[in-house]
Amino acid sequence: MNAFFLAVSYLRFHWARSLVLVLAVALILAVPVASRALLNAGEATLTARAETTPYLVGRRGSALDLTMAALYFGQERPPTLPAEEVDRIWDSGLAVPIPLHIGFETGGQPIVGTTLDYFEFRGLALAGGRGLALLGEAVLGARAAEALGAAPGDTVVSTPQNLFDLDGVYPLEMPVVGVLAPTGTPDDEAVFVDIKTTWVIAGIGHGHADVVSAEDLAAGETVRAGAEIVQFQRITPENIESFHFHGNEGDYPVTAVIAVPSDLRAGTILQGRYLDPAGSAQLVSPMRVVEGLVERIFRIRTVLDAVAAIVAAAALAAIGLSFFLSYRLRAAEFATARKLGAARGTALRLLAAETAVLLLPCILLAGGLALAVHSRADALVGWMLALGA
């Protein structure tokens, strides 16, 4: 007990050095456990999202970009395919197509244009307000509502992904009509609108505002319309009838189509219709794409474990060196103790007691950090995915 009393007294006197050692050792112990928990949670999140999505149809190209854009609303922008591909899947009778148009943002949150089938397919429920009903309306995911500080009755304004490619399109002001309940998926980060609303943002559809009033015409006033007159578009009950689209609807852009087959046989037949490598469209299985991504994560995990082991060894060596230097600096102190009658092993017992006293808070702190990360792993992974997006 005397050795522990002296150890505690010494560590309390040198509290700054003791605190640094405790934090260093705790981090060395916690980081490998926490990183493994985050990797496991990330793998589970990616896999769960892909498992619930049977097939994706998109323009032929990178299957990974198509999957990340359609499932996680990431920064990837695969080439679009014409909307007639949606009709082609409908007409086949093999699957229910759910189109997605992704490419715009509002306040840093992705705007996802889709149909009402998407909400049923993902099992999304409203926490407040109502669902989409009119052109130009928006329903916010749970975290998107927090990030934008918006609720039903407020409005959000779209911003283009590329500020240097405006194409003369003004931002669209959209009334928020509903907020979704949290799901712990990328849907929480999205701002959902009808796919035709994204076509309005893209400039394919637009309405005409009356620049000249009846009073101006009666008074013979000459009014010049300039770009500075309108700051953004707004769809209201008064002007919604004036909004229209140009060109053939089958040529309108769609980022991806989620294809939900009626059964396994229908899914197999549908896959066969996209086997032609010369075709402009491709059908991918998100699960296969994510499995390939997870294999890469396992390889990265091995490298991370090796790096963590090397760093931990170096850190422990540095801590051991600090104890050794502490022993050398206290040589005179231990010599005085021996002259006062202390046993020859007293110095070693003191060092062992100091190490034990230090290790206890290190283990408790490391365990607390690892437990905190493990309990919040899903939320942290969702935040990191959102940050990466």
Protein backbone atom coordinates (compact mmCIF):
# COMPACT_ATOMS: atom_id res chain seq x y z
CA MET A 1 0.00 0.00 0.00
CA ASN A 2 2.91 2.37 0.76
CA ALA A 3 4.19 1.96 -2.80
CA PHE A 4 0.76 2.83 -4.24
CA PHE A 5 0.42 5.80 -1.88
CA LEU A 6 3.80 7.16 -2.99
CA ALA A 7 2.95 6.44 -6.66
CA VAL A 8 -0.35 8.33 -6.47
CA SER A 9 1.32 11.23 -4.66
CA TYR A 10 4.08 11.43 -7.26
CA LEU A 11 1.64 11.31 -10.20
CA ARG A 12 -0.59 13.96 -8.62
CA PHE A 13 2.41 16.24 -8.15
CA HIS A 14 3.41 15.76 -11.81
CA TRP A 15 -0.21 15.93 -13.01
CA ALA A 16 0.54 17.43 -16.45
CA ARG A 17 2.97 14.66 -17.37
CA SER A 18 0.58 12.04 -16.00
CA LEU A 19 -2.34 13.47 -17.99
CA VAL A 20 -0.37 13.41 -21.25
CA LEU A 21 0.62 9.78 -20.66
CA VAL A 22 -2.96 8.75 -19.86
CA LEU A 23 -4.33 10.41 -23.02
CA ALA A 24 -1.56 8.96 -25.22
CA VAL A 25 -2.02 5.39 -23.99
CA ALA A 26 -5.82 5.66 -24.10
CA LEU A 27 -5.74 6.78 -27.73
CA ILE A 28 -3.32 3.99 -28.63
CA LEU A 29 -5.73 1.46 -27.14
CA ALA A 30 -8.95 3.05 -28.44
CA VAL A 31 -8.10 3.93 -32.05
CA PRO A 32 -7.81 0.34 -33.41
CA VAL A 33 -11.07 -0.70 -31.72
CA ALA A 34 -12.91 2.44 -32.84
CA SER A 35 -11.66 2.20 -36.42
CA ARG A 36 -12.74 -1.43 -36.61
CA ALA A 37 -16.22 -0.49 -35.32
CA LEU A 38 -16.53 2.29 -37.92
CA LEU A 39 -15.42 -0.01 -40.73
CA ASN A 40 -17.91 -2.67 -39.66
CA ALA A 41 -20.70 -0.10 -39.44
CA GLY A 42 -19.76 1.34 -42.83
CA GLU A 43 -19.80 -2.12 -44.38
CA ALA A 44 -23.21 -2.85 -42.83
CA THR A 45 -24.63 0.48 -44.00
CA LEU A 46 -23.42 0.03 -47.56
CA THR A 47 -24.59 -3.57 -47.70
CA ALA A 48 -28.05 -2.90 -46.21
CA ARG A 49 -28.78 -0.12 -48.72
CA ALA A 50 -27.69 -2.28 -51.63
CA GLU A 51 -29.58 -5.37 -50.44
CA THR A 52 -32.89 -3.51 -50.62
CA THR A 53 -32.29 -2.26 -54.17
CA PRO A 54 -32.72 -5.09 -56.72
CA TYR A 55 -31.41 -3.42 -59.90
CA LEU A 56 -30.30 -0.07 -61.24
CA VAL A 57 -30.58 0.98 -64.87
CA GLY A 58 -28.41 3.80 -66.13
CA ARG A 59 -26.28 5.01 -69.00
CA ARG A 60 -23.49 2.56 -69.82
CA GLY A 61 -20.34 3.53 -67.96
CA SER A 62 -19.04 3.19 -64.40
CA ALA A 63 -21.28 0.87 -62.37
CA LEU A 64 -19.75 2.23 -59.15
CA ASP A 65 -20.55 5.85 -60.03
CA LEU A 66 -24.10 4.87 -60.94
CA THR A 67 -24.57 2.98 -57.66
CA MET A 68 -23.08 5.68 -55.44
CA ALA A 69 -25.16 8.40 -57.11
CA ALA A 70 -28.46 6.51 -57.06
CA LEU A 71 -28.17 4.90 -53.62
CA TYR A 72 -26.13 7.41 -51.61
CA PHE A 73 -26.69 10.67 -53.55
CA GLY A 74 -22.92 11.23 -53.71
CA GLN A 75 -20.93 13.70 -55.76
CA GLU A 76 -20.62 11.20 -58.61
CA ARG A 77 -22.47 12.39 -61.71
CA PRO A 78 -22.91 9.49 -64.15
CA PRO A 79 -24.14 10.37 -67.64
CA THR A 80 -27.92 10.57 -67.88
CA LEU A 81 -30.15 8.35 -69.97
CA PRO A 82 -33.40 9.39 -71.70
CA ALA A 83 -36.66 9.10 -69.80
CA GLU A 84 -37.99 6.77 -72.48
CA GLU A 85 -36.03 4.02 -70.69
CA VAL A 86 -38.56 4.30 -67.87
CA ASP A 87 -41.40 3.65 -70.31
CA ARG A 88 -39.48 0.76 -71.79
CA ILE A 89 -39.30 -0.96 -68.39
CA TRP A 90 -42.96 -0.22 -67.70
CA ASP A 91 -44.01 -1.64 -71.08
CA SER A 92 -42.00 -4.82 -70.48
CA GLY A 93 -44.20 -5.67 -67.50
CA LEU A 94 -41.18 -7.19 -65.79
CA ALA A 95 -40.50 -4.54 -63.16
CA VAL A 96 -41.71 -1.30 -61.62
CA PRO A 97 -39.36 1.52 -62.64
CA ILE A 98 -38.60 4.33 -60.17
CA PRO A 99 -36.74 7.16 -61.94
CA LEU A 100 -34.20 9.37 -60.17
CA HIS A 101 -32.78 12.70 -61.29
CA ILE A 102 -29.84 13.94 -59.20
CA GLY A 103 -27.69 16.95 -59.97
CA PHE A 104 -28.89 19.96 -57.98
CA GLU A 105 -28.57 21.09 -54.38
CA THR A 106 -30.09 23.47 -51.89
CA GLY A 107 -27.98 24.64 -48.99
CA GLY A 108 -25.53 21.79 -49.59
CA GLN A 109 -28.25 19.10 -49.46
CA PRO A 110 -28.89 17.02 -52.60
CA ILE A 111 -32.16 17.52 -54.46
CA VAL A 112 -33.55 14.15 -55.55
CA GLY A 113 -36.22 14.15 -58.23
CA THR A 114 -38.31 11.00 -58.23
CA THR A 115 -41.90 9.69 -58.10
CA LEU A 116 -44.20 8.74 -55.23
CA ASP A 117 -43.23 5.09 -55.74
CA TYR A 118 -39.84 5.87 -54.20
CA PHE A 119 -41.35 6.71 -50.81
CA GLU A 120 -43.26 3.44 -50.73
CA PHE A 121 -40.26 1.47 -51.96
CA ARG A 122 -37.95 2.85 -49.24
CA GLY A 123 -40.65 2.75 -46.56
CA LEU A 124 -40.32 6.48 -45.86
CA ALA A 125 -42.83 7.94 -43.40
CA LEU A 126 -43.72 11.54 -42.68
CA ALA A 127 -42.86 13.10 -39.33
CA GLY A 128 -44.77 16.25 -40.18
CA GLY A 129 -46.66 17.93 -42.99
CA ARG A 130 -47.80 16.03 -46.08
CA GLY A 131 -46.37 14.36 -49.15
CA LEU A 132 -45.70 15.74 -52.61
CA ALA A 133 -48.79 16.77 -54.53
CA LEU A 134 -47.94 19.65 -56.88
CA LEU A 135 -45.11 20.66 -59.16
CA GLY A 136 -42.40 22.57 -57.29
CA GLU A 137 -43.11 21.18 -53.79
CA ALA A 138 -40.37 19.66 -51.61
CA VAL A 139 -40.26 17.07 -48.83
CA LEU A 140 -37.16 17.14 -46.63
CA GLY A 141 -35.25 14.28 -45.05
CA ALA A 142 -34.79 14.51 -41.27
CA ARG A 143 -31.17 15.71 -41.28
CA ALA A 144 -31.77 17.92 -44.34
CA ALA A 145 -34.52 19.72 -42.41
CA GLU A 146 -32.10 20.29 -39.51
CA ALA A 147 -29.29 21.46 -41.78
CA LEU A 148 -31.54 23.86 -43.68
CA GLY A 149 -33.47 24.96 -40.61
CA ALA A 150 -36.68 24.43 -42.58
CA ALA A 151 -40.10 23.03 -41.70
CA PRO A 152 -43.44 22.71 -43.48
CA GLY A 153 -44.51 26.18 -44.53
CA ASP A 154 -40.95 27.38 -45.23
CA THR A 155 -39.24 27.52 -48.62
CA VAL A 156 -35.89 26.35 -49.98
CA VAL A 157 -34.11 27.62 -53.10
CA SER A 158 -32.19 25.37 -55.47
CA THR A 159 -28.59 25.99 -56.43
CA PRO A 160 -26.90 24.36 -59.44
CA GLN A 161 -24.09 21.87 -58.95
CA ASN A 162 -21.85 23.82 -61.33
CA LEU A 163 -21.97 27.59 -60.88
CA PHE A 164 -20.23 28.07 -64.24
CA ASP A 165 -22.88 26.16 -66.18
CA LEU A 166 -26.09 28.01 -65.36
CA ASP A 167 -27.45 27.85 -68.92
CA GLY A 168 -29.58 30.90 -68.13
CA VAL A 169 -31.62 28.96 -65.55
CA TYR A 170 -32.79 30.81 -62.45
CA PRO A 171 -32.93 29.01 -59.08
CA LEU A 172 -36.29 27.56 -58.16
CA GLU A 173 -37.97 28.49 -54.88
CA MET A 174 -39.77 25.43 -53.53
CA PRO A 175 -42.27 25.36 -50.67
CA VAL A 176 -41.57 22.71 -48.03
CA VAL A 177 -44.71 20.65 -47.50
CA GLY A 178 -43.37 17.80 -45.36
CA VAL A 179 -40.48 16.39 -43.31
CA LEU A 180 -39.65 12.69 -43.23
CA ALA A 181 -39.03 10.63 -40.11
CA PRO A 182 -35.36 9.69 -39.52
CA THR A 183 -34.22 6.47 -41.19
CA GLY A 184 -30.46 6.45 -40.60
CA THR A 185 -29.90 6.27 -44.38
CA PRO A 186 -28.85 8.79 -47.05
CA ASP A 187 -32.54 9.59 -47.47
CA ASP A 188 -32.24 11.70 -44.32
CA GLU A 189 -29.89 14.09 -46.17
CA ALA A 190 -32.03 14.53 -49.29
CA VAL A 191 -34.57 17.08 -50.45
CA PHE A 192 -37.18 15.15 -52.41
CA VAL A 193 -39.17 16.68 -55.24
CA ASP A 194 -41.16 15.37 -58.17
CA ILE A 195 -38.86 14.49 -61.06
CA LYS A 196 -40.60 17.10 -63.21
CA THR A 197 -39.52 19.72 -60.68
CA THR A 198 -35.86 18.86 -61.35
CA TRP A 199 -36.57 19.25 -65.06
CA VAL A 200 -37.90 22.72 -64.32
CA ILE A 201 -34.67 23.49 -62.42
CA ALA A 202 -32.70 22.18 -65.40
CA GLY A 203 -34.49 24.62 -67.66
CA ILE A 204 -36.42 22.03 -69.64
CA GLY A 205 -39.69 23.27 -68.21
CA HIS A 206 -40.59 26.82 -67.27
CA GLY A 207 -43.44 29.21 -66.78
CA HIS A 208 -44.06 32.66 -68.18
CA ALA A 209 -44.42 35.63 -65.85
CA ASP A 210 -46.34 38.70 -66.97
CA VAL A 211 -43.72 41.42 -67.33
CA VAL A 212 -46.26 43.90 -68.73
CA SER A 213 -49.48 44.45 -66.78
CA ALA A 214 -52.86 45.38 -68.25
CA GLU A 215 -52.49 48.86 -66.75
CA ASP A 216 -49.15 49.32 -68.53
CA LEU A 217 -50.69 48.35 -71.86
CA ALA A 218 -53.65 50.71 -71.31
CA ALA A 219 -51.29 53.56 -70.46
CA GLY A 220 -49.09 52.83 -73.50
CA GLU A 221 -46.02 52.17 -71.30
CA THR A 222 -42.95 50.55 -72.86
CA VAL A 223 -41.40 47.92 -70.59
CA ARG A 224 -38.06 46.27 -71.31
CA ALA A 225 -37.58 42.80 -69.81
CA GLY A 226 -34.09 42.13 -68.55
CA ALA A 227 -32.38 39.32 -66.68
CA GLU A 228 -32.31 41.42 -63.54
CA ILE A 229 -36.13 41.50 -63.23
CA VAL A 230 -36.53 37.89 -62.00
CA GLN A 231 -34.28 36.67 -59.19
CA PHE A 232 -35.63 33.11 -59.08
CA GLN A 233 -38.56 31.06 -60.31
CA ARG A 234 -41.53 30.39 -58.08
CA ILE A 235 -44.38 28.01 -58.85
CA THR A 236 -47.64 29.24 -57.37
CA PRO A 237 -51.30 28.24 -57.80
CA GLU A 238 -51.67 31.32 -59.98
CA ASN A 239 -48.88 30.48 -62.46
CA ILE A 240 -48.66 26.66 -62.27
CA GLU A 241 -50.79 26.34 -65.40
CA SER A 242 -48.23 28.39 -67.34
CA PHE A 243 -45.40 25.92 -66.64
CA HIS A 244 -44.75 23.66 -69.60
CA PHE A 245 -41.98 21.53 -71.06
CA HIS A 246 -40.26 21.69 -74.42
CA GLY A 247 -39.35 18.77 -76.63
CA ASN A 248 -40.17 15.08 -76.36
CA GLU A 249 -40.59 13.86 -72.76
CA GLY A 250 -38.85 10.64 -73.69
CA ASP A 251 -35.66 12.62 -74.22
CA TYR A 252 -35.67 14.26 -70.77
CA PRO A 253 -32.68 13.31 -68.57
CA VAL A 254 -32.82 10.64 -65.88
CA THR A 255 -29.78 9.83 -63.72
CA ALA A 256 -30.86 6.27 -62.88
CA VAL A 257 -33.88 4.01 -62.71
CA ILE A 258 -34.49 1.65 -59.79
CA ALA A 259 -36.03 -1.47 -61.31
CA VAL A 260 -38.11 -3.59 -58.90
CA PRO A 261 -38.97 -6.89 -60.64
CA SER A 262 -42.18 -8.71 -59.82
CA ASP A 263 -40.34 -11.99 -59.15
CA LEU A 264 -37.02 -13.76 -59.68
CA ARG A 265 -37.94 -14.94 -63.18
CA ALA A 266 -38.88 -11.41 -64.25
CA GLY A 267 -35.61 -10.11 -62.85
CA THR A 268 -33.62 -12.71 -64.80
CA ILE A 269 -35.39 -11.84 -68.03
CA LEU A 270 -34.85 -8.14 -67.41
CA GLN A 271 -31.12 -8.70 -66.92
CA GLY A 272 -30.98 -10.51 -70.23
CA ARG A 273 -32.37 -7.49 -72.06
CA TYR A 274 -29.37 -5.39 -71.02
CA LEU A 275 -26.61 -7.84 -71.92
CA ASP A 276 -25.87 -6.24 -75.29
CA PRO A 277 -22.54 -4.37 -74.79
CA ALA A 278 -23.43 -2.13 -77.73
CA GLY A 279 -26.56 -0.84 -75.95
CA SER A 280 -26.57 2.65 -74.49
CA ALA A 281 -28.07 1.51 -71.17
CA GLN A 282 -26.78 -0.93 -68.57
CA LEU A 283 -28.40 -2.86 -65.72
CA VAL A 284 -26.33 -3.38 -62.58
CA SER A 285 -26.88 -5.22 -59.34
CA PRO A 286 -26.05 -2.78 -56.50
CA MET A 287 -25.24 -5.68 -54.19
CA ARG A 288 -22.52 -6.97 -56.51
CA VAL A 289 -21.07 -3.49 -56.88
CA VAL A 290 -21.04 -2.92 -53.11
CA GLU A 291 -19.54 -6.36 -52.48
CA GLY A 292 -16.64 -5.38 -54.73
CA LEU A 293 -16.31 -2.13 -52.79
CA VAL A 294 -16.38 -4.00 -49.47
CA GLU A 295 -13.57 -6.27 -50.69
CA ARG A 296 -11.48 -3.17 -51.25
CA ILE A 297 -12.38 -1.97 -47.75
CA PHE A 298 -11.12 -5.30 -46.33
CA ARG A 299 -7.82 -4.75 -48.11
CA ILE A 300 -7.62 -1.23 -46.74
CA ARG A 301 -8.48 -2.58 -43.29
CA THR A 302 -5.46 -4.88 -43.39
CA VAL A 303 -3.21 -1.95 -44.27
CA LEU A 304 -4.79 0.19 -41.55
CA ASP A 305 -4.28 -2.56 -38.97
CA ALA A 306 -0.62 -2.84 -39.94
CA VAL A 307 -0.15 0.93 -39.76
CA ALA A 308 -1.96 1.07 -36.41
CA ALA A 309 0.30 -1.68 -35.04
CA ILE A 310 3.43 0.16 -36.17
CA VAL A 311 2.23 3.46 -34.73
CA ALA A 312 1.21 1.77 -31.47
CA ALA A 313 4.62 0.09 -31.17
CA ALA A 314 6.38 3.40 -31.77
CA ALA A 315 4.13 5.19 -29.27
CA LEU A 316 4.63 2.51 -26.62
CA ALA A 317 8.38 2.69 -27.19
CA ALA A 318 8.22 6.46 -26.68
CA ILE A 319 6.22 5.98 -23.47
CA GLY A 320 8.71 3.37 -22.28
CA LEU A 321 11.49 5.82 -22.99
CA SER A 322 9.73 8.46 -20.90
CA PHE A 323 9.56 6.02 -17.96
CA PHE A 324 13.24 5.17 -18.39
CA LEU A 325 14.25 8.84 -18.46
CA SER A 326 12.03 9.45 -15.42
CA TYR A 327 13.88 6.67 -13.61
CA ARG A 328 17.24 8.19 -14.54
CA LEU A 329 16.16 11.64 -13.39
CA ARG A 330 15.01 10.17 -10.08
CA ALA A 331 18.22 8.22 -9.50
CA ALA A 332 19.26 10.59 -6.71
CA GLU A 333 15.82 10.21 -5.10
CA PHE A 334 16.07 6.41 -5.13
CA ALA A 335 19.66 6.58 -3.82
CA THR A 336 18.46 8.66 -0.86
CA ALA A 337 15.68 6.13 -0.20
CA ARG A 338 18.23 3.31 -0.07
CA LYS A 339 20.40 5.30 2.37
CA LEU A 340 17.34 5.72 4.59
CA GLY A 341 16.94 1.95 4.71
CA ALA A 342 14.62 1.20 1.79
CA ALA A 343 14.93 -2.27 0.30
CA ARG A 344 16.84 -2.69 -2.96
CA GLY A 345 13.65 -3.42 -4.95
CA THR A 346 11.78 -0.35 -3.70
CA ALA A 347 12.47 1.65 -6.87
CA LEU A 348 11.10 -1.12 -9.06
CA ARG A 349 8.01 -1.47 -6.87
CA LEU A 350 7.39 2.29 -7.10
CA LEU A 351 7.71 2.23 -10.88
CA ALA A 352 5.40 -0.80 -11.10
CA ALA A 353 2.84 0.93 -8.87
CA GLU A 354 3.01 4.11 -10.96
CA THR A 355 2.49 2.07 -14.13
CA ALA A 356 -0.50 0.25 -12.61
CA VAL A 357 -2.05 3.50 -11.38
CA LEU A 358 -1.61 5.05 -14.84
CA LEU A 359 -2.97 2.03 -16.71
CA LEU A 360 -6.28 1.98 -14.83
CA PRO A 361 -7.54 5.39 -16.11
CA CYS A 362 -6.01 4.60 -19.52
CA ILE A 363 -8.08 1.42 -19.83
CA LEU A 364 -11.23 3.13 -18.53
CA LEU A 365 -10.84 6.10 -20.89
CA ALA A 366 -10.00 3.87 -23.88
CA GLY A 367 -12.99 1.66 -23.12
CA GLY A 368 -15.25 4.70 -22.84
CA LEU A 369 -14.04 6.12 -26.16
CA ALA A 370 -14.38 2.78 -27.93
CA LEU A 371 -17.86 2.23 -26.46
CA ALA A 372 -18.96 5.73 -27.46
CA VAL A 373 -17.78 5.23 -31.03
CA HIS A 374 -19.33 1.77 -31.20
CA SER A 375 -22.71 2.99 -29.92
CA ARG A 376 -22.74 5.88 -32.38
CA ALA A 377 -21.03 4.06 -35.25
CA ASP A 378 -24.06 4.12 -37.55
CA ALA A 379 -24.64 7.84 -37.00
CA LEU A 380 -20.93 8.60 -37.49
CA VAL A 381 -20.82 6.59 -40.70
CA GLY A 382 -23.91 8.38 -41.97
CA TRP A 383 -22.32 11.73 -41.14
CA MET A 384 -19.08 10.76 -42.89
CA LEU A 385 -20.98 9.54 -45.94
CA ALA A 386 -22.89 12.80 -46.02
CA LEU A 387 -19.68 14.76 -45.60
CA GLY A 388 -18.08 12.81 -48.44
CA ALA A 389 -21.15 13.37 -50.59
